[in-house]
């Protein structure tokens, strides 16, 4: 039997508003800044990976980078929904860095970014007290680590 009041994750998160106690205002602001940074990072990755797909030399690489880009789009949607549920307004994603001009430099930048992002998302999961936010960012961290492995694989094949 299903008991909706005992289920720790919220099925319809867009309608869920977490109420932070007054003492947690500073933590809430830090969490929102981190989520905003994550949104901007995902938005930038989506833009740059589109360029990387065009530059990829093989169909296999194009297919895999397309799959990675779909993961980044999913993260962007999830993080945006969380931001909206916490603030009541939609985020305005910004591209935070230029995309590298060559395929090799793009792979290098993507690998480094994915590695750093995996750790950053674990930090956000640790900052959050809401189980849904923790779950989303832990899963995103695992995805980012997987992406880094693919980019490293393609980078080492290009030597």
N, C-alpha and C. Protein backbone atom coordinates (compact mmCIF):
# COMPACT_ATOMS: atom_id res chain seq x y z
N UNK A 1 0.84 -1.18 0.00
CA UNK A 1 0.00 0.00 0.00
C UNK A 1 0.89 1.24 0.00
N UNK A 2 0.49 2.27 -0.69
CA UNK A 2 1.24 3.51 -0.85
C UNK A 2 0.76 4.54 0.16
N UNK A 3 1.68 5.07 0.95
CA UNK A 3 1.36 6.11 1.92
C UNK A 3 2.06 7.40 1.49
N UNK A 4 1.35 8.31 0.83
CA UNK A 4 2.02 9.49 0.28
C UNK A 4 2.66 10.38 1.33
N UNK A 5 2.19 10.35 2.56
CA UNK A 5 2.75 11.23 3.58
C UNK A 5 4.07 10.71 4.14
N UNK A 6 4.36 9.44 3.88
CA UNK A 6 5.61 8.85 4.36
C UNK A 6 6.67 8.79 3.27
N UNK A 7 6.34 9.10 2.04
CA UNK A 7 7.29 9.04 0.94
C UNK A 7 8.19 10.27 1.00
N UNK A 8 9.51 10.07 1.11
CA UNK A 8 10.40 11.21 1.36
C UNK A 8 10.67 12.11 0.17
N UNK A 9 10.39 11.67 -1.05
CA UNK A 9 10.66 12.50 -2.22
C UNK A 9 9.34 13.00 -2.79
N UNK A 10 9.35 14.16 -3.31
CA UNK A 10 8.13 14.82 -3.74
C UNK A 10 7.91 14.60 -5.22
N UNK A 11 6.81 13.91 -5.56
CA UNK A 11 6.51 13.56 -6.93
C UNK A 11 6.31 14.79 -7.81
N UNK A 12 5.66 15.79 -7.29
CA UNK A 12 5.33 16.98 -8.07
C UNK A 12 6.08 18.17 -7.49
N UNK A 13 7.37 18.21 -7.71
CA UNK A 13 8.24 19.17 -7.02
C UNK A 13 7.95 20.61 -7.40
N UNK A 14 7.45 20.86 -8.64
CA UNK A 14 7.20 22.24 -9.02
C UNK A 14 6.20 22.93 -8.09
N UNK A 15 5.30 22.18 -7.49
CA UNK A 15 4.29 22.77 -6.61
C UNK A 15 4.70 22.76 -5.14
N UNK A 16 5.89 22.26 -4.88
CA UNK A 16 6.36 22.14 -3.50
C UNK A 16 7.18 23.36 -3.14
N UNK A 17 6.87 24.00 -2.03
CA UNK A 17 7.64 25.15 -1.53
C UNK A 17 8.23 24.79 -0.18
N UNK A 18 9.55 24.73 -0.13
CA UNK A 18 10.21 24.46 1.14
C UNK A 18 10.27 25.75 1.93
N UNK A 19 9.86 25.73 3.17
CA UNK A 19 9.88 26.91 4.03
C UNK A 19 11.11 26.84 4.93
N UNK A 20 12.04 27.74 4.72
CA UNK A 20 13.26 27.78 5.52
C UNK A 20 13.01 28.55 6.81
N UNK A 21 13.50 28.03 7.93
CA UNK A 21 13.42 28.79 9.18
C UNK A 21 14.25 30.07 9.05
N UNK A 22 13.91 31.06 9.83
CA UNK A 22 14.59 32.36 9.77
C UNK A 22 16.10 32.23 9.95
N UNK A 23 16.53 31.32 10.83
CA UNK A 23 17.96 31.16 11.10
C UNK A 23 18.73 30.64 9.89
N UNK A 24 18.03 30.03 8.95
CA UNK A 24 18.69 29.44 7.79
C UNK A 24 18.74 30.37 6.59
N UNK A 25 18.42 31.65 6.76
CA UNK A 25 18.40 32.59 5.62
C UNK A 25 19.75 32.66 4.91
N UNK A 26 20.84 32.70 5.66
CA UNK A 26 22.16 32.77 5.04
C UNK A 26 22.46 31.50 4.26
N UNK A 27 22.12 30.35 4.84
CA UNK A 27 22.32 29.08 4.13
C UNK A 27 21.46 29.02 2.87
N UNK A 28 20.23 29.52 2.96
CA UNK A 28 19.34 29.54 1.82
C UNK A 28 19.93 30.41 0.69
N UNK A 29 20.47 31.57 1.06
CA UNK A 29 21.07 32.45 0.04
C UNK A 29 22.27 31.77 -0.61
N UNK A 30 23.10 31.12 0.18
CA UNK A 30 24.26 30.41 -0.36
C UNK A 30 23.80 29.28 -1.28
N UNK A 31 22.79 28.54 -0.87
CA UNK A 31 22.26 27.46 -1.70
C UNK A 31 21.72 28.01 -3.01
N UNK A 32 20.98 29.10 -2.95
CA UNK A 32 20.44 29.71 -4.18
C UNK A 32 21.57 30.20 -5.09
N UNK A 33 22.62 30.77 -4.52
CA UNK A 33 23.76 31.20 -5.34
C UNK A 33 24.42 29.99 -6.01
N UNK A 34 24.55 28.91 -5.28
CA UNK A 34 25.15 27.69 -5.85
C UNK A 34 24.27 27.11 -6.95
N UNK A 35 22.96 27.10 -6.73
CA UNK A 35 22.05 26.57 -7.74
C UNK A 35 22.07 27.47 -8.99
N UNK A 36 22.14 28.78 -8.79
CA UNK A 36 22.24 29.71 -9.92
C UNK A 36 23.52 29.44 -10.71
N UNK A 37 24.62 29.23 -10.01
CA UNK A 37 25.89 28.92 -10.66
C UNK A 37 25.77 27.60 -11.43
N UNK A 38 25.09 26.61 -10.85
CA UNK A 38 24.90 25.32 -11.52
C UNK A 38 24.05 25.49 -12.78
N UNK A 39 23.01 26.30 -12.71
CA UNK A 39 22.16 26.57 -13.87
C UNK A 39 22.98 27.21 -14.99
N UNK A 40 23.77 28.21 -14.64
CA UNK A 40 24.60 28.88 -15.65
C UNK A 40 25.64 27.93 -16.24
N UNK A 41 26.21 27.06 -15.42
CA UNK A 41 27.17 26.09 -15.91
C UNK A 41 26.54 25.09 -16.86
N UNK A 42 25.35 24.62 -16.53
CA UNK A 42 24.65 23.67 -17.41
C UNK A 42 24.26 24.34 -18.72
N UNK A 43 23.79 25.58 -18.63
CA UNK A 43 23.42 26.33 -19.83
C UNK A 43 24.63 26.49 -20.75
N UNK A 44 25.77 26.83 -20.17
CA UNK A 44 27.01 26.99 -20.94
C UNK A 44 27.42 25.66 -21.57
N UNK A 45 27.34 24.58 -20.82
CA UNK A 45 27.69 23.27 -21.35
C UNK A 45 26.80 22.89 -22.53
N UNK A 46 25.52 23.16 -22.41
CA UNK A 46 24.59 22.85 -23.51
C UNK A 46 25.01 23.60 -24.78
N UNK A 47 25.37 24.88 -24.63
CA UNK A 47 25.79 25.68 -25.79
C UNK A 47 27.10 25.15 -26.38
N UNK A 48 28.08 24.90 -25.52
CA UNK A 48 29.40 24.49 -26.00
C UNK A 48 29.38 23.07 -26.57
N UNK A 49 28.57 22.19 -26.01
CA UNK A 49 28.54 20.81 -26.50
C UNK A 49 27.87 20.74 -27.86
N UNK A 50 26.98 21.68 -28.17
CA UNK A 50 26.40 21.74 -29.51
C UNK A 50 27.52 22.02 -30.52
N UNK A 51 28.42 22.91 -30.16
CA UNK A 51 29.57 23.22 -31.02
C UNK A 51 30.51 22.03 -31.11
N UNK A 52 30.72 21.35 -29.99
CA UNK A 52 31.60 20.18 -29.96
C UNK A 52 31.06 19.06 -30.85
N UNK A 53 29.75 18.90 -30.87
CA UNK A 53 29.13 17.87 -31.73
C UNK A 53 29.46 18.15 -33.19
N UNK A 54 29.36 19.41 -33.58
CA UNK A 54 29.67 19.78 -34.97
C UNK A 54 31.14 19.49 -35.31
N UNK A 55 32.02 19.65 -34.34
CA UNK A 55 33.46 19.47 -34.58
C UNK A 55 33.91 18.02 -34.48
N UNK A 56 33.11 17.17 -33.86
CA UNK A 56 33.52 15.78 -33.62
C UNK A 56 33.80 15.07 -34.95
N UNK A 57 34.91 14.33 -35.01
CA UNK A 57 35.33 13.73 -36.28
C UNK A 57 34.61 12.43 -36.66
N UNK A 58 33.99 11.74 -35.68
CA UNK A 58 33.33 10.47 -36.00
C UNK A 58 31.88 10.49 -35.55
N UNK A 59 31.09 9.63 -36.17
CA UNK A 59 29.67 9.52 -35.79
C UNK A 59 29.53 9.01 -34.35
N UNK A 60 30.42 8.12 -33.94
CA UNK A 60 30.38 7.60 -32.57
C UNK A 60 30.56 8.74 -31.55
N UNK A 61 31.54 9.59 -31.80
CA UNK A 61 31.80 10.71 -30.89
C UNK A 61 30.62 11.69 -30.91
N UNK A 62 30.09 11.97 -32.07
CA UNK A 62 28.92 12.86 -32.17
C UNK A 62 27.76 12.30 -31.35
N UNK A 63 27.51 10.99 -31.50
CA UNK A 63 26.40 10.35 -30.79
C UNK A 63 26.59 10.45 -29.27
N UNK A 64 27.80 10.15 -28.80
CA UNK A 64 28.06 10.18 -27.36
C UNK A 64 27.98 11.59 -26.80
N UNK A 65 28.51 12.56 -27.51
CA UNK A 65 28.44 13.95 -27.02
C UNK A 65 27.00 14.45 -27.05
N UNK A 66 26.22 13.99 -28.04
CA UNK A 66 24.78 14.32 -28.07
C UNK A 66 24.08 13.78 -26.82
N UNK A 67 24.43 12.55 -26.43
CA UNK A 67 23.84 11.95 -25.23
C UNK A 67 24.24 12.75 -23.98
N UNK A 68 25.50 13.14 -23.91
CA UNK A 68 25.97 13.96 -22.78
C UNK A 68 25.22 15.28 -22.76
N UNK A 69 25.03 15.89 -23.92
CA UNK A 69 24.31 17.17 -24.01
C UNK A 69 22.86 17.01 -23.53
N UNK A 70 22.23 15.88 -23.86
CA UNK A 70 20.85 15.63 -23.37
C UNK A 70 20.83 15.55 -21.84
N UNK A 71 21.85 14.92 -21.25
CA UNK A 71 21.95 14.89 -19.78
C UNK A 71 22.05 16.30 -19.22
N UNK A 72 22.86 17.14 -19.87
CA UNK A 72 23.04 18.52 -19.40
C UNK A 72 21.73 19.30 -19.52
N UNK A 73 20.98 19.06 -20.57
CA UNK A 73 19.68 19.72 -20.73
C UNK A 73 18.71 19.27 -19.62
N UNK A 74 18.77 17.98 -19.28
CA UNK A 74 17.94 17.46 -18.19
C UNK A 74 18.32 18.12 -16.87
N UNK A 75 19.61 18.22 -16.60
CA UNK A 75 20.06 18.88 -15.36
C UNK A 75 19.59 20.33 -15.34
N UNK A 76 19.71 21.02 -16.46
CA UNK A 76 19.27 22.41 -16.54
C UNK A 76 17.79 22.52 -16.19
N UNK A 77 16.97 21.64 -16.73
CA UNK A 77 15.52 21.66 -16.42
C UNK A 77 15.28 21.38 -14.93
N UNK A 78 15.96 20.36 -14.39
CA UNK A 78 15.75 20.01 -12.98
C UNK A 78 16.18 21.15 -12.06
N UNK A 79 17.35 21.71 -12.31
CA UNK A 79 17.86 22.78 -11.46
C UNK A 79 16.96 24.02 -11.57
N UNK A 80 16.47 24.28 -12.76
CA UNK A 80 15.58 25.43 -12.96
C UNK A 80 14.27 25.25 -12.20
N UNK A 81 13.74 24.03 -12.20
CA UNK A 81 12.51 23.76 -11.43
C UNK A 81 12.76 23.96 -9.93
N UNK A 82 13.89 23.49 -9.45
CA UNK A 82 14.23 23.66 -8.03
C UNK A 82 14.34 25.15 -7.72
N UNK A 83 15.07 25.89 -8.54
CA UNK A 83 15.22 27.34 -8.35
C UNK A 83 13.86 28.02 -8.30
N UNK A 84 12.99 27.68 -9.25
CA UNK A 84 11.66 28.29 -9.30
C UNK A 84 10.85 27.94 -8.06
N UNK A 85 10.96 26.71 -7.59
CA UNK A 85 10.20 26.32 -6.40
C UNK A 85 10.69 27.04 -5.15
N UNK A 86 11.99 27.36 -5.12
CA UNK A 86 12.55 28.04 -3.94
C UNK A 86 12.33 29.55 -3.98
N UNK A 87 12.30 30.13 -5.18
CA UNK A 87 12.23 31.59 -5.29
C UNK A 87 10.90 32.12 -5.78
N UNK A 88 10.13 31.27 -6.46
CA UNK A 88 8.88 31.73 -7.05
C UNK A 88 9.08 32.41 -8.40
N UNK A 89 10.32 32.47 -8.87
CA UNK A 89 10.58 33.06 -10.19
C UNK A 89 11.48 32.13 -11.00
N UNK A 90 11.40 32.29 -12.32
CA UNK A 90 12.22 31.45 -13.19
C UNK A 90 13.63 32.03 -13.29
N UNK A 91 14.63 31.15 -13.40
CA UNK A 91 16.01 31.64 -13.54
C UNK A 91 16.22 32.23 -14.94
N UNK A 92 17.24 33.04 -15.07
CA UNK A 92 17.63 33.61 -16.35
C UNK A 92 19.05 33.13 -16.64
N UNK A 93 19.18 31.93 -17.26
CA UNK A 93 20.52 31.36 -17.47
C UNK A 93 21.40 32.24 -18.34
N UNK A 94 22.68 32.28 -17.97
CA UNK A 94 23.68 33.07 -18.70
C UNK A 94 24.83 32.17 -19.09
N UNK A 95 25.37 32.39 -20.28
CA UNK A 95 26.57 31.67 -20.69
C UNK A 95 27.74 32.32 -19.96
N UNK A 96 28.47 31.54 -19.17
CA UNK A 96 29.48 32.12 -18.29
C UNK A 96 30.89 32.06 -18.86
N UNK A 97 31.09 31.37 -19.98
CA UNK A 97 32.39 31.37 -20.62
C UNK A 97 32.23 31.06 -22.10
N UNK A 98 33.23 31.45 -22.86
CA UNK A 98 33.23 31.19 -24.30
C UNK A 98 33.55 29.72 -24.56
N UNK A 99 33.01 29.20 -25.63
CA UNK A 99 33.32 27.83 -26.03
C UNK A 99 34.67 27.82 -26.74
N UNK A 100 35.53 26.84 -26.45
CA UNK A 100 36.82 26.75 -27.14
C UNK A 100 36.63 26.61 -28.65
N UNK A 101 37.63 27.04 -29.40
CA UNK A 101 37.52 27.08 -30.85
C UNK A 101 37.82 25.77 -31.56
N UNK A 102 38.62 24.89 -30.95
CA UNK A 102 38.98 23.65 -31.62
C UNK A 102 38.40 22.46 -30.86
N UNK A 103 38.32 21.33 -31.56
CA UNK A 103 37.78 20.12 -30.94
C UNK A 103 38.63 19.68 -29.75
N UNK A 104 39.93 19.66 -29.92
CA UNK A 104 40.81 19.21 -28.84
C UNK A 104 40.68 20.12 -27.61
N UNK A 105 40.71 21.43 -27.84
CA UNK A 105 40.56 22.36 -26.70
C UNK A 105 39.18 22.22 -26.07
N UNK A 106 38.18 21.93 -26.89
CA UNK A 106 36.84 21.71 -26.37
C UNK A 106 36.77 20.48 -25.47
N UNK A 107 37.43 19.39 -25.90
CA UNK A 107 37.49 18.18 -25.08
C UNK A 107 38.21 18.45 -23.77
N UNK A 108 39.33 19.17 -23.84
CA UNK A 108 40.10 19.49 -22.63
C UNK A 108 39.25 20.30 -21.66
N UNK A 109 38.59 21.33 -22.17
CA UNK A 109 37.76 22.18 -21.31
C UNK A 109 36.59 21.40 -20.74
N UNK A 110 35.97 20.55 -21.57
CA UNK A 110 34.82 19.75 -21.11
C UNK A 110 35.24 18.78 -20.02
N UNK A 111 36.38 18.11 -20.21
CA UNK A 111 36.86 17.16 -19.20
C UNK A 111 37.09 17.86 -17.86
N UNK A 112 37.82 18.97 -17.91
CA UNK A 112 38.13 19.70 -16.68
C UNK A 112 36.85 20.20 -16.00
N UNK A 113 35.96 20.76 -16.80
CA UNK A 113 34.71 21.30 -16.25
C UNK A 113 33.86 20.20 -15.63
N UNK A 114 33.74 19.06 -16.30
CA UNK A 114 32.93 17.96 -15.77
C UNK A 114 33.50 17.44 -14.44
N UNK A 115 34.82 17.35 -14.35
CA UNK A 115 35.46 16.90 -13.11
C UNK A 115 35.15 17.87 -11.96
N UNK A 116 35.35 19.15 -12.21
CA UNK A 116 35.10 20.16 -11.17
C UNK A 116 33.62 20.21 -10.79
N UNK A 117 32.77 20.06 -11.78
CA UNK A 117 31.33 20.13 -11.54
C UNK A 117 30.84 18.96 -10.70
N UNK A 118 31.42 17.79 -10.90
CA UNK A 118 31.02 16.63 -10.10
C UNK A 118 31.20 16.92 -8.61
N UNK A 119 32.34 17.50 -8.24
CA UNK A 119 32.59 17.85 -6.84
C UNK A 119 31.65 18.97 -6.36
N UNK A 120 31.45 19.96 -7.22
CA UNK A 120 30.58 21.09 -6.88
C UNK A 120 29.15 20.62 -6.57
N UNK A 121 28.65 19.68 -7.37
CA UNK A 121 27.29 19.19 -7.15
C UNK A 121 27.18 18.38 -5.86
N UNK A 122 28.23 17.67 -5.50
CA UNK A 122 28.21 16.98 -4.21
C UNK A 122 28.18 17.99 -3.06
N UNK A 123 28.90 19.10 -3.23
CA UNK A 123 28.86 20.17 -2.22
C UNK A 123 27.45 20.75 -2.09
N UNK A 124 26.77 20.95 -3.21
CA UNK A 124 25.40 21.47 -3.17
C UNK A 124 24.49 20.47 -2.47
N UNK A 125 24.65 19.19 -2.77
CA UNK A 125 23.83 18.16 -2.12
C UNK A 125 24.05 18.19 -0.61
N UNK A 126 25.30 18.41 -0.18
CA UNK A 126 25.60 18.48 1.24
C UNK A 126 25.02 19.74 1.89
N UNK A 127 24.97 20.84 1.12
CA UNK A 127 24.41 22.11 1.62
C UNK A 127 22.91 22.01 1.84
N UNK A 128 22.25 21.27 0.98
CA UNK A 128 20.78 21.22 0.99
C UNK A 128 20.28 20.35 2.13
N UNK A 129 19.16 20.77 2.70
CA UNK A 129 18.52 19.94 3.73
C UNK A 129 17.33 19.18 3.16
N UNK A 130 16.89 19.55 1.99
CA UNK A 130 15.75 18.90 1.36
C UNK A 130 16.20 17.62 0.65
N UNK A 131 15.57 16.49 0.92
CA UNK A 131 15.99 15.22 0.32
C UNK A 131 15.90 15.20 -1.21
N UNK A 132 14.91 15.86 -1.77
CA UNK A 132 14.78 15.89 -3.23
C UNK A 132 15.97 16.62 -3.86
N UNK A 133 16.33 17.77 -3.32
CA UNK A 133 17.46 18.54 -3.85
C UNK A 133 18.74 17.72 -3.71
N UNK A 134 18.92 17.07 -2.58
CA UNK A 134 20.10 16.22 -2.38
C UNK A 134 20.16 15.12 -3.44
N UNK A 135 19.03 14.47 -3.67
CA UNK A 135 18.97 13.38 -4.65
C UNK A 135 19.30 13.87 -6.06
N UNK A 136 18.72 14.98 -6.46
CA UNK A 136 18.94 15.52 -7.81
C UNK A 136 20.41 15.87 -8.02
N UNK A 137 21.03 16.52 -7.04
CA UNK A 137 22.42 16.93 -7.21
C UNK A 137 23.39 15.76 -7.08
N UNK A 138 23.08 14.77 -6.29
CA UNK A 138 23.95 13.59 -6.23
C UNK A 138 23.92 12.82 -7.55
N UNK A 139 22.72 12.70 -8.10
CA UNK A 139 22.60 12.01 -9.39
C UNK A 139 23.32 12.80 -10.49
N UNK A 140 23.16 14.11 -10.49
CA UNK A 140 23.83 14.96 -11.47
C UNK A 140 25.36 14.83 -11.32
N UNK A 141 25.84 14.73 -10.10
CA UNK A 141 27.27 14.57 -9.86
C UNK A 141 27.78 13.27 -10.50
N UNK A 142 27.02 12.20 -10.33
CA UNK A 142 27.41 10.92 -10.93
C UNK A 142 27.41 11.03 -12.46
N UNK A 143 26.42 11.72 -13.02
CA UNK A 143 26.39 11.93 -14.47
C UNK A 143 27.61 12.70 -14.93
N UNK A 144 27.98 13.75 -14.21
CA UNK A 144 29.12 14.58 -14.59
C UNK A 144 30.42 13.77 -14.58
N UNK A 145 30.56 12.90 -13.60
CA UNK A 145 31.75 12.05 -13.54
C UNK A 145 31.80 11.12 -14.74
N UNK A 146 30.65 10.57 -15.12
CA UNK A 146 30.57 9.71 -16.30
C UNK A 146 30.94 10.50 -17.55
N UNK A 147 30.45 11.72 -17.67
CA UNK A 147 30.78 12.56 -18.82
C UNK A 147 32.29 12.80 -18.89
N UNK A 148 32.89 13.07 -17.74
CA UNK A 148 34.33 13.33 -17.71
C UNK A 148 35.11 12.13 -18.26
N UNK A 149 34.68 10.94 -17.93
CA UNK A 149 35.35 9.73 -18.41
C UNK A 149 35.27 9.67 -19.94
N UNK A 150 34.09 9.96 -20.50
CA UNK A 150 33.96 9.95 -21.96
C UNK A 150 34.87 10.99 -22.61
N UNK A 151 34.88 12.20 -22.06
CA UNK A 151 35.73 13.24 -22.65
C UNK A 151 37.21 12.87 -22.54
N UNK A 152 37.61 12.27 -21.43
CA UNK A 152 38.99 11.83 -21.28
C UNK A 152 39.32 10.74 -22.30
N UNK A 153 38.40 9.83 -22.50
CA UNK A 153 38.59 8.76 -23.48
C UNK A 153 38.82 9.34 -24.88
N UNK A 154 37.98 10.28 -25.29
CA UNK A 154 38.16 10.88 -26.61
C UNK A 154 39.42 11.74 -26.68
N UNK A 155 39.76 12.37 -25.57
CA UNK A 155 40.96 13.19 -25.53
C UNK A 155 42.21 12.32 -25.69
N UNK A 156 42.26 11.18 -25.05
CA UNK A 156 43.45 10.32 -25.14
C UNK A 156 43.54 9.63 -26.50
N UNK A 157 42.43 9.46 -27.17
CA UNK A 157 42.44 8.88 -28.52
C UNK A 157 42.97 9.86 -29.55
N UNK A 158 42.96 11.15 -29.24
CA UNK A 158 43.36 12.20 -30.18
C UNK A 158 44.83 12.54 -30.08
N UNK A 159 45.61 11.85 -29.32
CA UNK A 159 47.04 12.18 -29.15
C UNK A 159 47.85 11.74 -30.31
